[in-house]
Amino acid sequence: MSQEDKIRNYIEKNLTVYDEEVTFTNDDNIFEKGFVNSLFAMKLLNFVEQEFQIDISDDDIDLKNFSSINNIINLINNKK
């Protein structure tokens, strides 16, 4: 499974919108669209660290880094 698929699956399992028709692109800001809430950001950070075996520093903890699938993939690639 690709990085994109792992991240997308995790986000979809944690949506705060309970609509079967929710779709989003890799560039969509999942927080601005209301698909997830700020509490989810910490869960997502922990998932990314564990799943991709990286350490996210305080400097990397910026909502922008976690706001879209592409931003998360860029963060992972920069940390490896």
PDB file of N, CA and C in Angstrom:
ATOM      1  N   MET A   1       0.845  -1.182   0.000  1.00  0.00           N
ATOM      2  CA  MET A   1       0.000   0.000   0.000  1.00  0.00           C
ATOM      3  C   MET A   1       0.889   1.243   0.000  1.00  0.00           C
ATOM      4  N   SER A   2       0.543   2.193  -0.820  1.00  0.00           N
ATOM      5  CA  SER A   2       1.342   3.415  -0.957  1.00  0.00           C
ATOM      6  C   SER A   2       1.153   4.333   0.249  1.00  0.00           C
ATOM      7  N   GLN A   3       2.057   5.298   0.387  1.00  0.00           N
ATOM      8  CA  GLN A   3       1.927   6.310   1.443  1.00  0.00           C
ATOM      9  C   GLN A   3       0.565   6.991   1.337  1.00  0.00           C
ATOM     10  N   GLU A   4       0.225   7.366   0.126  1.00  0.00           N
ATOM     11  CA  GLU A   4      -1.043   8.061  -0.110  1.00  0.00           C
ATOM     12  C   GLU A   4      -2.225   7.223   0.375  1.00  0.00           C
ATOM     13  N   ASP A   5      -2.235   5.934   0.019  1.00  0.00           N
ATOM     14  CA  ASP A   5      -3.345   5.060   0.406  1.00  0.00           C
ATOM     15  C   ASP A   5      -3.429   4.899   1.924  1.00  0.00           C
ATOM     16  N   LYS A   6      -2.285   4.745   2.584  1.00  0.00           N
ATOM     17  CA  LYS A   6      -2.282   4.599   4.044  1.00  0.00           C
ATOM     18  C   LYS A   6      -2.845   5.843   4.716  1.00  0.00           C
ATOM     19  N   ILE A   7      -2.414   7.013   4.254  1.00  0.00           N
ATOM     20  CA  ILE A   7      -2.875   8.270   4.842  1.00  0.00           C
ATOM     21  C   ILE A   7      -4.363   8.475   4.560  1.00  0.00           C
ATOM     22  N   ARG A   8      -4.767   8.260   3.318  1.00  0.00           N
ATOM     23  CA  ARG A   8      -6.179   8.429   2.938  1.00  0.00           C
ATOM     24  C   ARG A   8      -7.067   7.490   3.760  1.00  0.00           C
ATOM     25  N   ASN A   9      -6.681   6.234   3.902  1.00  0.00           N
ATOM     26  CA  ASN A   9      -7.475   5.284   4.675  1.00  0.00           C
ATOM     27  C   ASN A   9      -7.610   5.731   6.118  1.00  0.00           C
ATOM     28  N   TYR A  10      -6.511   6.213   6.706  1.00  0.00           N
ATOM     29  CA  TYR A  10      -6.545   6.658   8.096  1.00  0.00           C
ATOM     30  C   TYR A  10      -7.482   7.855   8.256  1.00  0.00           C
ATOM     31  N   ILE A  11      -7.376   8.814   7.346  1.00  0.00           N
ATOM     32  CA  ILE A  11      -8.242   9.995   7.412  1.00  0.00           C
ATOM     33  C   ILE A  11      -9.705   9.581   7.249  1.00  0.00           C
ATOM     34  N   GLU A  12      -9.986   8.731   6.271  1.00  0.00           N
ATOM     35  CA  GLU A  12     -11.372   8.318   6.018  1.00  0.00           C
ATOM     36  C   GLU A  12     -11.961   7.580   7.217  1.00  0.00           C
ATOM     37  N   LYS A  13     -11.148   6.826   7.938  1.00  0.00           N
ATOM     38  CA  LYS A  13     -11.636   6.104   9.117  1.00  0.00           C
ATOM     39  C   LYS A  13     -11.922   7.047  10.281  1.00  0.00           C
ATOM     40  N   ASN A  14     -11.384   8.266  10.251  1.00  0.00           N
ATOM     41  CA  ASN A  14     -11.527   9.212  11.352  1.00  0.00           C
ATOM     42  C   ASN A  14     -12.314  10.467  10.991  1.00  0.00           C
ATOM     43  N   LEU A  15     -13.082  10.412   9.932  1.00  0.00           N
ATOM     44  CA  LEU A  15     -13.871  11.565   9.514  1.00  0.00           C
ATOM     45  C   LEU A  15     -14.876  11.956  10.599  1.00  0.00           C
ATOM     46  N   THR A  16     -15.068  13.242  10.773  1.00  0.00           N
ATOM     47  CA  THR A  16     -16.103  13.709  11.697  1.00  0.00           C
ATOM     48  C   THR A  16     -17.407  13.980  10.939  1.00  0.00           C
ATOM     49  N   VAL A  17     -17.359  13.850   9.626  1.00  0.00           N
ATOM     50  CA  VAL A  17     -18.550  13.999   8.787  1.00  0.00           C
ATOM     51  C   VAL A  17     -19.024  12.594   8.436  1.00  0.00           C
ATOM     52  N   TYR A  18     -20.236  12.286   8.789  1.00  0.00           N
ATOM     53  CA  TYR A  18     -20.748  10.936   8.544  1.00  0.00           C
ATOM     54  C   TYR A  18     -21.620  10.939   7.298  1.00  0.00           C
ATOM     55  N   ASP A  19     -20.962  11.026   6.180  1.00  0.00           N
ATOM     56  CA  ASP A  19     -21.644  11.067   4.895  1.00  0.00           C
ATOM     57  C   ASP A  19     -20.927  10.089   3.982  1.00  0.00           C
ATOM     58  N   GLU A  20     -21.648   9.153   3.456  1.00  0.00           N
ATOM     59  CA  GLU A  20     -21.055   8.128   2.590  1.00  0.00           C
ATOM     60  C   GLU A  20     -20.427   8.737   1.331  1.00  0.00           C
ATOM     61  N   GLU A  21     -20.850   9.929   0.977  1.00  0.00           N
ATOM     62  CA  GLU A  21     -20.414  10.538  -0.275  1.00  0.00           C
ATOM     63  C   GLU A  21     -19.231  11.498  -0.116  1.00  0.00           C
ATOM     64  N   VAL A  22     -18.570  11.502   1.034  1.00  0.00           N
ATOM     65  CA  VAL A  22     -17.447  12.416   1.246  1.00  0.00           C
ATOM     66  C   VAL A  22     -16.297  12.039   0.310  1.00  0.00           C
ATOM     67  N   THR A  23     -15.857  13.013  -0.466  1.00  0.00           N
ATOM     68  CA  THR A  23     -14.690  12.805  -1.328  1.00  0.00           C
ATOM     69  C   THR A  23     -13.776  14.008  -1.172  1.00  0.00           C
ATOM     70  N   PHE A  24     -12.482  13.755  -1.286  1.00  0.00           N
ATOM     71  CA  PHE A  24     -11.530  14.857  -1.225  1.00  0.00           C
ATOM     72  C   PHE A  24     -10.292  14.469  -2.015  1.00  0.00           C
ATOM     73  N   THR A  25      -9.661  15.490  -2.583  1.00  0.00           N
ATOM     74  CA  THR A  25      -8.456  15.269  -3.374  1.00  0.00           C
ATOM     75  C   THR A  25      -7.241  15.294  -2.447  1.00  0.00           C
ATOM     76  N   ASN A  26      -6.103  14.969  -2.997  1.00  0.00           N
ATOM     77  CA  ASN A  26      -4.859  14.986  -2.221  1.00  0.00           C
ATOM     78  C   ASN A  26      -4.446  16.398  -1.826  1.00  0.00           C
ATOM     79  N   ASP A  27      -5.011  17.414  -2.469  1.00  0.00           N
ATOM     80  CA  ASP A  27      -4.671  18.797  -2.160  1.00  0.00           C
ATOM     81  C   ASP A  27      -5.718  19.492  -1.286  1.00  0.00           C
ATOM     82  N   ASP A  28      -6.864  18.870  -1.067  1.00  0.00           N
ATOM     83  CA  ASP A  28      -7.913  19.488  -0.258  1.00  0.00           C
ATOM     84  C   ASP A  28      -7.475  19.608   1.196  1.00  0.00           C
ATOM     85  N   ASN A  29      -7.783  20.756   1.803  1.00  0.00           N
ATOM     86  CA  ASN A  29      -7.486  20.970   3.211  1.00  0.00           C
ATOM     87  C   ASN A  29      -8.590  20.295   4.026  1.00  0.00           C
ATOM     88  N   ILE A  30      -8.243  19.192   4.669  1.00  0.00           N
ATOM     89  CA  ILE A  30      -9.245  18.384   5.366  1.00  0.00           C
ATOM     90  C   ILE A  30      -9.808  19.097   6.592  1.00  0.00           C
ATOM     91  N   PHE A  31      -9.069  20.056   7.143  1.00  0.00           N
ATOM     92  CA  PHE A  31      -9.555  20.806   8.298  1.00  0.00           C
ATOM     93  C   PHE A  31     -10.526  21.900   7.853  1.00  0.00           C
ATOM     94  N   GLU A  32     -10.171  22.629   6.799  1.00  0.00           N
ATOM     95  CA  GLU A  32     -11.041  23.694   6.287  1.00  0.00           C
ATOM     96  C   GLU A  32     -12.356  23.136   5.757  1.00  0.00           C
ATOM     97  N   LYS A  33     -12.319  21.938   5.185  1.00  0.00           N
ATOM     98  CA  LYS A  33     -13.533  21.320   4.650  1.00  0.00           C
ATOM     99  C   LYS A  33     -14.415  20.752   5.757  1.00  0.00           C
ATOM    100  N   GLY A  34     -13.899  20.718   6.990  1.00  0.00           N
ATOM    101  CA  GLY A  34     -14.691  20.239   8.112  1.00  0.00           C
ATOM    102  C   GLY A  34     -14.767  18.727   8.224  1.00  0.00           C
ATOM    103  N   PHE A  35     -13.878  18.027   7.524  1.00  0.00           N
ATOM    104  CA  PHE A  35     -13.896  16.565   7.560  1.00  0.00           C
ATOM    105  C   PHE A  35     -13.328  16.015   8.868  1.00  0.00           C
ATOM    106  N   VAL A  36     -12.431  16.769   9.479  1.00  0.00           N
ATOM    107  CA  VAL A  36     -11.810  16.354  10.737  1.00  0.00           C
ATOM    108  C   VAL A  36     -11.693  17.587  11.629  1.00  0.00           C
ATOM    109  N   ASN A  37     -11.433  17.356  12.910  1.00  0.00           N
ATOM    110  CA  ASN A  37     -11.314  18.487  13.829  1.00  0.00           C
ATOM    111  C   ASN A  37      -9.888  18.599  14.353  1.00  0.00           C
ATOM    112  N   SER A  38      -9.652  19.616  15.164  1.00  0.00           N
ATOM    113  CA  SER A  38      -8.289  19.868  15.639  1.00  0.00           C
ATOM    114  C   SER A  38      -7.773  18.744  16.541  1.00  0.00           C
ATOM    115  N   LEU A  39      -8.673  18.071  17.262  1.00  0.00           N
ATOM    116  CA  LEU A  39      -8.231  16.946  18.088  1.00  0.00           C
ATOM    117  C   LEU A  39      -7.643  15.836  17.221  1.00  0.00           C
ATOM    118  N   PHE A  40      -8.172  15.702  16.029  1.00  0.00           N
ATOM    119  CA  PHE A  40      -7.670  14.691  15.106  1.00  0.00           C
ATOM    120  C   PHE A  40      -6.226  14.971  14.694  1.00  0.00           C
ATOM    121  N   ALA A  41      -5.814  16.228  14.715  1.00  0.00           N
ATOM    122  CA  ALA A  41      -4.453  16.591  14.289  1.00  0.00           C
ATOM    123  C   ALA A  41      -3.403  15.832  15.096  1.00  0.00           C
ATOM    124  N   MET A  42      -3.591  15.711  16.399  1.00  0.00           N
ATOM    125  CA  MET A  42      -2.619  14.993  17.226  1.00  0.00           C
ATOM    126  C   MET A  42      -2.646  13.495  16.940  1.00  0.00           C
ATOM    127  N   LYS A  43      -3.831  12.950  16.706  1.00  0.00           N
ATOM    128  CA  LYS A  43      -3.935  11.537  16.339  1.00  0.00           C
ATOM    129  C   LYS A  43      -3.217  11.286  15.016  1.00  0.00           C
ATOM    130  N   LEU A  44      -3.389  12.211  14.080  1.00  0.00           N
ATOM    131  CA  LEU A  44      -2.758  12.091  12.772  1.00  0.00           C
ATOM    132  C   LEU A  44      -1.238  12.177  12.897  1.00  0.00           C
ATOM    133  N   LEU A  45      -0.764  13.100  13.720  1.00  0.00           N
ATOM    134  CA  LEU A  45       0.672  13.233  13.957  1.00  0.00           C
ATOM    135  C   LEU A  45       1.244  11.928  14.502  1.00  0.00           C
ATOM    136  N   ASN A  46       0.587  11.333  15.498  1.00  0.00           N
ATOM    137  CA  ASN A  46       1.051  10.059  16.064  1.00  0.00           C
ATOM    138  C   ASN A  46       1.021   8.941  15.041  1.00  0.00           C
ATOM    139  N   PHE A  47      -0.033   8.898  14.233  1.00  0.00           N
ATOM    140  CA  PHE A  47      -0.130   7.883  13.186  1.00  0.00           C
ATOM    141  C   PHE A  47       1.037   8.004  12.207  1.00  0.00           C
ATOM    142  N   VAL A  48       1.306   9.217  11.756  1.00  0.00           N
ATOM    143  CA  VAL A  48       2.379   9.437  10.772  1.00  0.00           C
ATOM    144  C   VAL A  48       3.728   9.021  11.357  1.00  0.00           C
ATOM    145  N   GLU A  49       3.998   9.409  12.595  1.00  0.00           N
ATOM    146  CA  GLU A  49       5.273   9.031  13.225  1.00  0.00           C
ATOM    147  C   GLU A  49       5.421   7.515  13.308  1.00  0.00           C
ATOM    148  N   GLN A  50       4.386   6.839  13.738  1.00  0.00           N
ATOM    149  CA  GLN A  50       4.471   5.389  13.918  1.00  0.00           C
ATOM    150  C   GLN A  50       4.466   4.638  12.597  1.00  0.00           C
ATOM    151  N   GLU A  51       3.546   4.996  11.727  1.00  0.00           N
ATOM    152  CA  GLU A  51       3.380   4.269  10.467  1.00  0.00           C
ATOM    153  C   GLU A  51       4.596   4.412   9.551  1.00  0.00           C
ATOM    154  N   PHE A  52       5.193   5.607   9.534  1.00  0.00           N
ATOM    155  CA  PHE A  52       6.291   5.863   8.607  1.00  0.00           C
ATOM    156  C   PHE A  52       7.640   5.958   9.312  1.00  0.00           C
ATOM    157  N   GLN A  53       7.646   5.655  10.604  1.00  0.00           N
ATOM    158  CA  GLN A  53       8.872   5.579  11.406  1.00  0.00           C
ATOM    159  C   GLN A  53       9.744   6.820  11.255  1.00  0.00           C
ATOM    160  N   ILE A  54       9.118   7.958  11.538  1.00  0.00           N
ATOM    161  CA  ILE A  54       9.835   9.236  11.516  1.00  0.00           C
ATOM    162  C   ILE A  54       9.566   9.957  12.837  1.00  0.00           C
ATOM    163  N   ASP A  55      10.444  10.883  13.164  1.00  0.00           N
ATOM    164  CA  ASP A  55      10.248  11.736  14.325  1.00  0.00           C
ATOM    165  C   ASP A  55       9.875  13.130  13.837  1.00  0.00           C
ATOM    166  N   ILE A  56       8.774  13.617  14.319  1.00  0.00           N
ATOM    167  CA  ILE A  56       8.319  14.944  13.937  1.00  0.00           C
ATOM    168  C   ILE A  56       8.726  15.914  15.036  1.00  0.00           C
ATOM    169  N   SER A  57       9.514  16.897  14.670  1.00  0.00           N
ATOM    170  CA  SER A  57      10.023  17.861  15.648  1.00  0.00           C
ATOM    171  C   SER A  57       8.979  18.946  15.911  1.00  0.00           C
ATOM    172  N   ASP A  58       9.217  19.716  16.957  1.00  0.00           N
ATOM    173  CA  ASP A  58       8.311  20.830  17.287  1.00  0.00           C
ATOM    174  C   ASP A  58       8.181  21.797  16.116  1.00  0.00           C
ATOM    175  N   ASP A  59       9.266  22.002  15.373  1.00  0.00           N
ATOM    176  CA  ASP A  59       9.238  22.913  14.230  1.00  0.00           C
ATOM    177  C   ASP A  59       8.315  22.409  13.116  1.00  0.00           C
ATOM    178  N   ASP A  60       8.122  21.081  13.058  1.00  0.00           N
ATOM    179  CA  ASP A  60       7.279  20.490  12.022  1.00  0.00           C
ATOM    180  C   ASP A  60       5.798  20.503  12.400  1.00  0.00           C
ATOM    181  N   ILE A  61       5.507  20.783  13.667  1.00  0.00           N
ATOM    182  CA  ILE A  61       4.121  20.754  14.129  1.00  0.00           C
ATOM    183  C   ILE A  61       3.443  22.057  13.717  1.00  0.00           C
ATOM    184  N   ASP A  62       2.937  22.006  12.515  1.00  0.00           N
ATOM    185  CA  ASP A  62       2.253  23.133  11.897  1.00  0.00           C
ATOM    186  C   ASP A  62       1.054  22.531  11.170  1.00  0.00           C
ATOM    187  N   LEU A  63      -0.114  23.070  11.405  1.00  0.00           N
ATOM    188  CA  LEU A  63      -1.312  22.506  10.794  1.00  0.00           C
ATOM    189  C   LEU A  63      -1.183  22.387   9.286  1.00  0.00           C
ATOM    190  N   LYS A  64      -0.425  23.289   8.670  1.00  0.00           N
ATOM    191  CA  LYS A  64      -0.233  23.237   7.218  1.00  0.00           C
ATOM    192  C   LYS A  64       0.401  21.907   6.793  1.00  0.00           C
ATOM    193  N   ASN A  65       1.335  21.386   7.591  1.00  0.00           N
ATOM    194  CA  ASN A  65       1.996  20.125   7.254  1.00  0.00           C
ATOM    195  C   ASN A  65       1.041  18.938   7.272  1.00  0.00           C
ATOM    196  N   PHE A  66      -0.091  19.077   7.952  1.00  0.00           N
ATOM    197  CA  PHE A  66      -1.029  17.972   8.102  1.00  0.00           C
ATOM    198  C   PHE A  66      -2.385  18.249   7.468  1.00  0.00           C
ATOM    199  N   SER A  67      -2.481  19.344   6.715  1.00  0.00           N
ATOM    200  CA  SER A  67      -3.781  19.783   6.206  1.00  0.00           C
ATOM    201  C   SER A  67      -4.256  19.046   4.960  1.00  0.00           C
ATOM    202  N   SER A  68      -3.342  18.406   4.248  1.00  0.00           N
ATOM    203  CA  SER A  68      -3.736  17.662   3.042  1.00  0.00           C
ATOM    204  C   SER A  68      -2.845  16.433   2.900  1.00  0.00           C
ATOM    205  N   ILE A  69      -3.311  15.500   2.117  1.00  0.00           N
ATOM    206  CA  ILE A  69      -2.530  14.282   1.892  1.00  0.00           C
ATOM    207  C   ILE A  69      -1.181  14.630   1.282  1.00  0.00           C
ATOM    208  N   ASN A  70      -1.163  15.524   0.296  1.00  0.00           N
ATOM    209  CA  ASN A  70       0.109  15.887  -0.336  1.00  0.00           C
ATOM    210  C   ASN A  70       1.068  16.560   0.646  1.00  0.00           C
ATOM    211  N   ASN A  71       0.544  17.406   1.538  1.00  0.00           N
ATOM    212  CA  ASN A  71       1.413  18.051   2.528  1.00  0.00           C
ATOM    213  C   ASN A  71       1.999  17.024   3.492  1.00  0.00           C
ATOM    214  N   ILE A  72       1.202  16.031   3.872  1.00  0.00           N
ATOM    215  CA  ILE A  72       1.699  14.980   4.765  1.00  0.00           C
ATOM    216  C   ILE A  72       2.782  14.159   4.073  1.00  0.00           C
ATOM    217  N   ILE A  73       2.567  13.826   2.820  1.00  0.00           N
ATOM    218  CA  ILE A  73       3.568  13.060   2.063  1.00  0.00           C
ATOM    219  C   ILE A  73       4.855  13.871   1.935  1.00  0.00           C
ATOM    220  N   ASN A  74       4.745  15.176   1.680  1.00  0.00           N
ATOM    221  CA  ASN A  74       5.940  16.023   1.592  1.00  0.00           C
ATOM    222  C   ASN A  74       6.691  16.034   2.912  1.00  0.00           C
ATOM    223  N   LEU A  75       5.980  16.127   4.028  1.00  0.00           N
ATOM    224  CA  LEU A  75       6.606  16.108   5.338  1.00  0.00           C
ATOM    225  C   LEU A  75       7.343  14.784   5.564  1.00  0.00           C
ATOM    226  N   ILE A  76       6.693  13.675   5.250  1.00  0.00           N
ATOM    227  CA  ILE A  76       7.314  12.350   5.412  1.00  0.00           C
ATOM    228  C   ILE A  76       8.585  12.264   4.581  1.00  0.00           C
ATOM    229  N   ASN A  77       8.490  12.659   3.335  1.00  0.00           N
ATOM    230  CA  ASN A  77       9.662  12.570   2.449  1.00  0.00           C
ATOM    231  C   ASN A  77      10.801  13.465   2.918  1.00  0.00           C
ATOM    232  N   ASN A  78      10.469  14.631   3.475  1.00  0.00           N
ATOM    233  CA  ASN A  78      11.501  15.525   3.985  1.00  0.00           C
ATOM    234  C   ASN A  78      12.176  14.988   5.245  1.00  0.00           C
ATOM    235  N   LYS A  79      11.445  14.178   6.004  1.00  0.00           N
ATOM    236  CA  LYS A  79      11.984  13.657   7.258  1.00  0.00           C
ATOM    237  C   LYS A  79      12.795  12.374   7.053  1.00  0.00           C
ATOM    238  N   LYS A  80      12.659  11.751   5.903  1.00  0.00           N
ATOM    239  CA  LYS A  80      13.391  10.486   5.650  1.00  0.00           C
ATOM    240  C   LYS A  80      14.748  10.753   5.061  1.00  0.00           C
TER     241      LYS A  80
END
